[in-house]
């Protein structure tokens, strides 16, 4: 297993070039500038965006409930209620096999992930955190609590740990996984360090209710490379608007990381992860130029490969200033 430029629909010579929407006025990108600065200041040398593994269909019963989801977002009174149900969907047996197989590229060259040097971030959806658990071999129960609660040293439901979390932002959530082989930075006792692994939460990675235009495009266009979502007139603007929200939240996460962490692993959802990755490298038409001291920029040929990458289940988009972009997946 290894990384490859992409398994997506790459443009081939002799055929018409991919469509590009006309450039719009540069868009505000304070969050993007903040993230580039934070990645540089914290010494992050790579970011990997990982799509969750295969998940239970929405029309099948939700865990511990005798009903399926009510339908799409329109079937619910609010986007929040739809998101709450959608986040409950677990990975399937197929998904568990995918995530287990993905450990080959997660631990192999060029990733060679080291736990103590990796900051783990997830959307909050069960399928994303379960994929993360399997790929990092963090077996155990999950408990999600707001950081202020942890900072007060209160006990965490479902977890023996009452550890003190690193301060990131009041609105950030922190997720703990009970696991005898993992250690939580900042835990106050040996027992706490031996029972928990820390996962930082970035709720905007699940877009429900915050990016209606992009959500609507996804619901009508389905999965695929980001390139096809740039073709509608509203595409570039919707992608930039959504991605700016995410990178601002990720910047808060990165600013709170401890010393020695040089890899940021972000577990989320197809198309939306592609959008954030493209925005991070300045590849969304109409977005303002990257900051002068950008953490990463890609040559035009790698930008094309990123835009045409079709991110499969339990696959990753690896960004490294030293090498550029790689589409990480199991070969075969």
Protein backbone atom coordinates (compact mmCIF):
# COMPACT_ATOMS: atom_id res chain seq x y z
CA UNK A 1 0.00 0.00 0.00
CA UNK A 2 1.08 3.45 -0.78
CA UNK A 3 0.02 6.86 -1.83
CA UNK A 4 -0.66 7.72 -5.42
CA UNK A 5 -1.31 10.98 -7.22
CA UNK A 6 -5.03 10.06 -7.40
CA UNK A 7 -7.51 7.41 -8.41
CA UNK A 8 -9.93 10.09 -9.55
CA UNK A 9 -10.99 11.17 -13.02
CA UNK A 10 -7.71 12.79 -14.06
CA UNK A 11 -7.78 14.92 -17.21
CA UNK A 12 -6.08 13.13 -20.09
CA UNK A 13 -4.37 14.77 -23.04
CA UNK A 14 -6.46 14.91 -26.19
CA UNK A 15 -9.74 15.54 -24.34
CA UNK A 16 -11.21 18.94 -23.51
CA UNK A 17 -9.74 20.46 -20.32
CA UNK A 18 -11.90 20.45 -17.18
CA UNK A 19 -14.46 23.23 -16.97
CA UNK A 20 -13.61 26.18 -14.77
CA UNK A 21 -16.18 28.66 -13.52
CA UNK A 22 -15.34 32.34 -14.01
CA UNK A 23 -13.29 33.83 -11.19
CA UNK A 24 -15.27 35.82 -8.68
CA UNK A 25 -14.02 38.62 -6.46
CA UNK A 26 -11.53 37.42 -3.81
CA UNK A 27 -13.33 36.14 -0.73
CA UNK A 28 -12.56 36.90 2.89
CA UNK A 29 -10.32 34.24 4.39
CA UNK A 30 -9.33 35.27 7.92
CA UNK A 31 -9.75 31.69 9.12
CA UNK A 32 -7.47 30.35 6.39
CA UNK A 33 -4.73 32.84 7.25
CA UNK A 34 -5.12 31.90 10.92
CA UNK A 35 -4.78 28.18 10.12
CA UNK A 36 -1.69 28.66 7.94
CA UNK A 37 -0.07 30.68 10.72
CA UNK A 38 -1.01 28.13 13.39
CA UNK A 39 0.31 25.18 11.36
CA UNK A 40 3.62 26.97 10.88
CA UNK A 41 3.98 28.15 14.45
CA UNK A 42 3.17 24.72 15.87
CA UNK A 43 5.64 22.95 13.60
CA UNK A 44 3.02 20.81 11.85
CA UNK A 45 4.72 19.06 8.95
CA UNK A 46 1.70 17.32 7.42
CA UNK A 47 -2.08 17.22 7.43
CA UNK A 48 -4.04 14.12 6.43
CA UNK A 49 -7.78 14.27 5.70
CA UNK A 50 -9.40 10.83 6.08
CA UNK A 51 -12.88 9.88 4.88
CA UNK A 52 -14.83 7.60 7.21
CA UNK A 53 -15.28 3.94 6.29
CA UNK A 54 -18.49 2.39 4.96
CA UNK A 55 -21.44 3.26 7.23
CA UNK A 56 -24.92 1.88 7.90
CA UNK A 57 -27.49 3.21 5.42
CA UNK A 58 -29.89 5.91 6.66
CA UNK A 59 -32.88 3.65 5.97
CA UNK A 60 -31.68 0.99 8.43
CA UNK A 61 -32.34 1.10 12.19
CA UNK A 62 -30.16 3.44 14.21
CA UNK A 63 -28.11 1.91 17.06
CA UNK A 64 -30.18 1.22 20.17
CA UNK A 65 -33.34 2.51 18.49
CA UNK A 66 -36.24 0.79 16.75
CA UNK A 67 -36.37 3.25 13.87
CA UNK A 68 -34.34 4.43 10.94
CA UNK A 69 -33.68 8.05 10.06
CA UNK A 70 -36.81 9.92 9.01
CA UNK A 71 -35.32 10.76 5.65
CA UNK A 72 -33.18 13.60 4.36
CA UNK A 73 -32.82 17.02 6.02
CA UNK A 74 -36.23 18.10 4.70
CA UNK A 75 -37.90 15.36 6.78
CA UNK A 76 -36.77 17.01 10.02
CA UNK A 77 -37.95 20.17 11.73
CA UNK A 78 -34.42 21.59 11.91
CA UNK A 79 -31.00 20.76 10.39
CA UNK A 80 -29.78 20.13 13.94
CA UNK A 81 -32.28 17.29 14.43
CA UNK A 82 -31.27 15.68 11.13
CA UNK A 83 -27.58 16.04 12.04
CA UNK A 84 -28.18 14.46 15.44
CA UNK A 85 -29.66 11.34 13.82
CA UNK A 86 -27.16 11.23 10.96
CA UNK A 87 -24.24 11.34 13.38
CA UNK A 88 -25.50 8.14 15.06
CA UNK A 89 -24.84 5.93 12.05
CA UNK A 90 -22.02 3.43 12.80
CA UNK A 91 -19.61 1.77 10.40
CA UNK A 92 -20.64 -1.58 8.93
CA UNK A 93 -18.65 -4.82 9.01
CA UNK A 94 -17.41 -3.83 5.56
CA UNK A 95 -16.35 -0.48 7.02
CA UNK A 96 -14.45 -2.19 9.82
CA UNK A 97 -12.58 -4.26 7.25
CA UNK A 98 -11.83 -1.12 5.20
CA UNK A 99 -10.49 0.77 8.21
CA UNK A 100 -8.39 -2.21 9.30
CA UNK A 101 -6.92 -2.49 5.81
CA UNK A 102 -6.24 1.26 5.79
CA UNK A 103 -3.82 0.77 8.67
CA UNK A 104 -1.35 -0.41 6.03
CA UNK A 105 -1.03 3.06 4.53
CA UNK A 106 -1.61 4.78 7.89
CA UNK A 107 1.42 3.04 9.41
CA UNK A 108 3.40 2.49 6.20
CA UNK A 109 5.51 4.78 4.01
CA UNK A 110 5.27 7.76 3.72
CA UNK A 111 2.87 8.23 6.66
CA UNK A 112 4.49 6.05 9.36
CA UNK A 113 2.18 7.59 11.93
CA UNK A 114 3.53 7.91 15.45
CA UNK A 115 0.80 8.18 18.07
CA UNK A 116 2.57 10.61 20.38
CA UNK A 117 3.25 13.01 17.50
CA UNK A 118 -0.24 12.91 15.97
CA UNK A 119 -3.19 15.14 16.84
CA UNK A 120 -6.46 13.32 16.09
CA UNK A 121 -9.47 15.37 14.99
CA UNK A 122 -12.97 14.11 14.08
CA UNK A 123 -16.28 15.53 12.97
CA UNK A 124 -18.27 14.06 15.84
CA UNK A 125 -20.16 11.62 13.62
CA UNK A 126 -19.97 8.10 15.01
CA UNK A 127 -18.78 6.67 11.68
CA UNK A 128 -15.84 9.10 11.66
CA UNK A 129 -14.75 8.38 15.22
CA UNK A 130 -15.16 4.62 14.75
CA UNK A 131 -12.97 4.77 11.64
CA UNK A 132 -10.40 6.70 13.63
CA UNK A 133 -10.55 4.16 16.46
CA UNK A 134 -9.92 1.22 14.14
CA UNK A 135 -7.16 2.91 12.15
CA UNK A 136 -5.37 3.99 15.32
CA UNK A 137 -6.14 0.69 17.07
CA UNK A 138 -7.86 2.54 19.92
CA UNK A 139 -10.39 -0.02 21.09
CA UNK A 140 -12.84 0.98 23.77
CA UNK A 141 -15.80 3.06 24.82
CA UNK A 142 -16.36 6.64 23.70
CA UNK A 143 -17.38 9.60 25.80
CA UNK A 144 -17.84 13.13 24.45
CA UNK A 145 -17.76 16.12 26.79
CA UNK A 146 -17.30 19.88 26.43
CA UNK A 147 -13.83 21.09 27.32
CA UNK A 148 -15.00 23.41 30.12
CA UNK A 149 -16.51 20.36 31.84
CA UNK A 150 -13.20 18.50 31.60
CA UNK A 151 -11.26 21.51 32.77
CA UNK A 152 -13.32 21.53 35.94
CA UNK A 153 -12.10 17.99 36.52
CA UNK A 154 -15.56 16.44 36.43
CA UNK A 155 -15.91 12.74 35.79
CA UNK A 156 -16.63 11.71 32.22
CA UNK A 157 -19.65 9.51 31.66
CA UNK A 158 -18.61 6.12 30.30
CA UNK A 159 -14.93 6.70 31.01
CA UNK A 160 -12.89 6.22 34.18
CA UNK A 161 -10.84 9.30 33.40
CA UNK A 162 -11.33 12.74 34.97
CA UNK A 163 -8.34 14.18 33.13
CA UNK A 164 -7.68 17.84 32.56
CA UNK A 165 -7.84 18.66 28.85
CA UNK A 166 -5.73 21.19 27.02
CA UNK A 167 -7.52 24.50 26.54
CA UNK A 168 -8.52 25.03 22.93
CA UNK A 169 -11.73 27.03 22.85
CA UNK A 170 -14.84 27.08 24.99
CA UNK A 171 -17.01 25.85 22.14
CA UNK A 172 -14.71 22.97 21.23
CA UNK A 173 -15.62 19.45 22.30
CA UNK A 174 -13.23 16.80 23.43
CA UNK A 175 -13.69 13.08 22.93
CA UNK A 176 -12.10 10.38 25.04
CA UNK A 177 -11.69 6.72 24.15
CA UNK A 178 -11.05 4.20 26.88
CA UNK A 179 -8.08 2.16 25.80
CA UNK A 180 -5.39 0.46 27.84
CA UNK A 181 -2.70 1.06 25.22
CA UNK A 182 -3.20 4.80 24.75
CA UNK A 183 -2.23 7.84 26.79
CA UNK A 184 -3.99 11.19 27.12
CA UNK A 185 -1.62 14.20 27.22
CA UNK A 186 -2.17 16.15 30.41
CA UNK A 187 -3.73 13.30 32.40
CA UNK A 188 -2.89 13.68 36.07
CA UNK A 189 -2.36 10.05 37.08
CA UNK A 190 -0.83 6.93 35.57
CA UNK A 191 -4.26 5.28 35.59
CA UNK A 192 -5.78 8.14 33.58
CA UNK A 193 -2.91 8.10 31.09
CA UNK A 194 -3.34 4.35 30.64
CA UNK A 195 -7.09 4.40 30.03
CA UNK A 196 -7.74 7.22 27.54
CA UNK A 197 -6.87 8.46 24.10
CA UNK A 198 -7.74 12.02 23.22
CA UNK A 199 -9.64 13.01 20.06
CA UNK A 200 -10.28 16.66 19.33
CA UNK A 201 -13.64 17.59 17.85
CA UNK A 202 -14.27 19.89 14.89
CA UNK A 203 -18.10 19.87 14.54
CA UNK A 204 -18.15 21.89 11.31
CA UNK A 205 -16.57 18.95 9.47
CA UNK A 206 -20.16 17.62 9.44
CA UNK A 207 -21.82 20.42 7.44
CA UNK A 208 -25.48 20.04 8.42
CA UNK A 209 -27.13 23.41 8.92
CA UNK A 210 -24.08 25.57 8.26
CA UNK A 211 -23.55 25.22 4.49
CA UNK A 212 -26.99 24.94 2.82
CA UNK A 213 -25.81 25.58 -0.75
CA UNK A 214 -23.05 23.00 -0.60
CA UNK A 215 -25.29 20.53 1.23
CA UNK A 216 -27.89 20.91 -1.51
CA UNK A 217 -25.27 20.32 -4.23
CA UNK A 218 -24.11 17.19 -2.43
CA UNK A 219 -27.66 15.86 -2.00
CA UNK A 220 -28.38 16.32 -5.73
CA UNK A 221 -24.95 15.52 -7.23
CA UNK A 222 -23.81 12.75 -4.90
CA UNK A 223 -20.22 11.67 -4.44
CA UNK A 224 -17.33 12.47 -6.73
CA UNK A 225 -14.23 14.61 -7.14
CA UNK A 226 -14.41 18.26 -6.12
CA UNK A 227 -14.01 19.27 -9.77
CA UNK A 228 -17.63 18.47 -10.58
CA UNK A 229 -18.83 20.64 -7.67
CA UNK A 230 -16.89 23.58 -9.13
CA UNK A 231 -18.80 23.42 -12.40
CA UNK A 232 -22.15 24.92 -11.24
CA UNK A 233 -22.05 28.74 -11.08
CA UNK A 234 -22.57 28.68 -7.32
CA UNK A 235 -20.02 25.91 -6.71
CA UNK A 236 -16.81 27.80 -5.98
CA UNK A 237 -18.53 30.28 -3.69
CA UNK A 238 -20.30 27.56 -1.73
CA UNK A 239 -17.09 25.56 -1.32
CA UNK A 240 -15.11 28.58 -0.15
CA UNK A 241 -17.83 29.68 2.26
CA UNK A 242 -18.08 26.26 3.90
CA UNK A 243 -14.32 25.67 3.98
CA UNK A 244 -13.65 29.02 5.64
CA UNK A 245 -15.86 27.97 8.55
CA UNK A 246 -13.97 24.70 8.94
CA UNK A 247 -10.44 26.10 8.70
CA UNK A 248 -11.29 28.75 11.29
CA UNK A 249 -12.38 25.99 13.68
CA UNK A 250 -9.34 23.86 12.83
CA UNK A 251 -7.10 26.86 13.52
CA UNK A 252 -8.48 26.98 17.07
CA UNK A 253 -7.71 23.28 17.43
CA UNK A 254 -4.15 23.62 16.14
CA UNK A 255 -3.41 26.62 18.34
CA UNK A 256 -4.17 24.48 21.39
CA UNK A 257 -1.93 21.53 20.47
CA UNK A 258 0.86 20.47 22.78
CA UNK A 259 4.55 20.43 22.02
CA UNK A 260 5.91 17.59 19.90
CA UNK A 261 2.82 17.00 17.74
CA UNK A 262 3.73 17.40 14.08
CA UNK A 263 0.91 15.53 12.30
CA UNK A 264 -2.73 16.63 12.11
CA UNK A 265 -5.12 13.80 11.20
CA UNK A 266 -8.67 14.94 10.37
CA UNK A 267 -11.45 12.33 10.06
CA UNK A 268 -14.61 13.43 8.29
CA UNK A 269 -16.75 13.11 5.20
CA UNK A 270 -16.35 12.73 1.44
CA UNK A 271 -16.47 15.83 -0.79
CA UNK A 272 -16.45 18.12 2.25
CA UNK A 273 -12.92 17.01 3.18
CA UNK A 274 -11.89 17.51 -0.45
CA UNK A 275 -13.28 21.04 -0.22
CA UNK A 276 -11.28 21.90 2.89
CA UNK A 277 -8.08 20.41 1.45
CA UNK A 278 -8.47 22.39 -1.78
CA UNK A 279 -9.21 25.60 0.11
CA UNK A 280 -6.17 25.07 2.35
CA UNK A 281 -3.85 25.03 -0.69
CA UNK A 282 -5.60 27.93 -2.44
CA UNK A 283 -7.18 25.80 -5.17
CA UNK A 284 -10.76 27.10 -5.03
CA UNK A 285 -11.41 29.55 -7.89
CA UNK A 286 -12.18 33.02 -6.59
CA UNK A 287 -10.59 32.66 -3.18
CA UNK A 288 -8.04 35.32 -2.29
CA UNK A 289 -4.33 34.45 -2.66
CA UNK A 290 -2.74 32.44 0.12
CA UNK A 291 -1.01 34.43 2.87
CA UNK A 292 2.57 35.48 2.15
CA UNK A 293 3.95 33.01 4.69
CA UNK A 294 1.71 30.15 3.55
CA UNK A 295 2.21 26.79 5.25
CA UNK A 296 1.77 25.01 1.91
CA UNK A 297 1.17 25.75 -1.75
CA UNK A 298 0.96 23.27 -4.61
CA UNK A 299 2.18 23.45 -8.21
CA UNK A 300 -0.62 23.63 -10.79
CA UNK A 301 -0.25 19.98 -11.82
CA UNK A 302 -0.79 18.81 -8.24
CA UNK A 303 -3.76 21.15 -7.86
CA UNK A 304 -5.39 19.44 -10.85
CA UNK A 305 -4.77 16.03 -9.29
CA UNK A 306 -6.27 17.14 -5.98
CA UNK A 307 -9.38 18.56 -7.66
CA UNK A 308 -9.92 15.32 -9.58
CA UNK A 309 -9.27 12.99 -6.62
CA UNK A 310 -12.34 10.89 -5.84
CA UNK A 311 -11.89 10.15 -2.13
CA UNK A 312 -13.05 6.63 -1.35
CA UNK A 313 -14.06 5.13 1.99
CA UNK A 314 -11.18 4.97 4.51
CA UNK A 315 -8.91 6.84 2.10
CA UNK A 316 -6.90 9.98 2.77
CA UNK A 317 -5.68 13.22 1.24
CA UNK A 318 -2.13 13.88 2.47
CA UNK A 319 -0.70 17.41 2.35
CA UNK A 320 2.98 17.98 3.14
CA UNK A 321 4.90 21.16 2.38
CA UNK A 322 7.98 19.07 1.58
CA UNK A 323 6.32 16.72 -0.94
CA UNK A 324 2.95 18.26 -1.86
CA UNK A 325 -0.16 16.11 -2.26
CA UNK A 326 -0.72 12.34 -2.19
CA UNK A 327 -3.96 10.35 -2.39
CA UNK A 328 -3.54 7.65 0.27
CA UNK A 329 -5.34 4.34 -0.22
CA UNK A 330 -4.87 0.60 -0.17
CA UNK A 331 -3.56 -0.66 -3.49
CA UNK A 332 -5.67 -3.11 -5.47
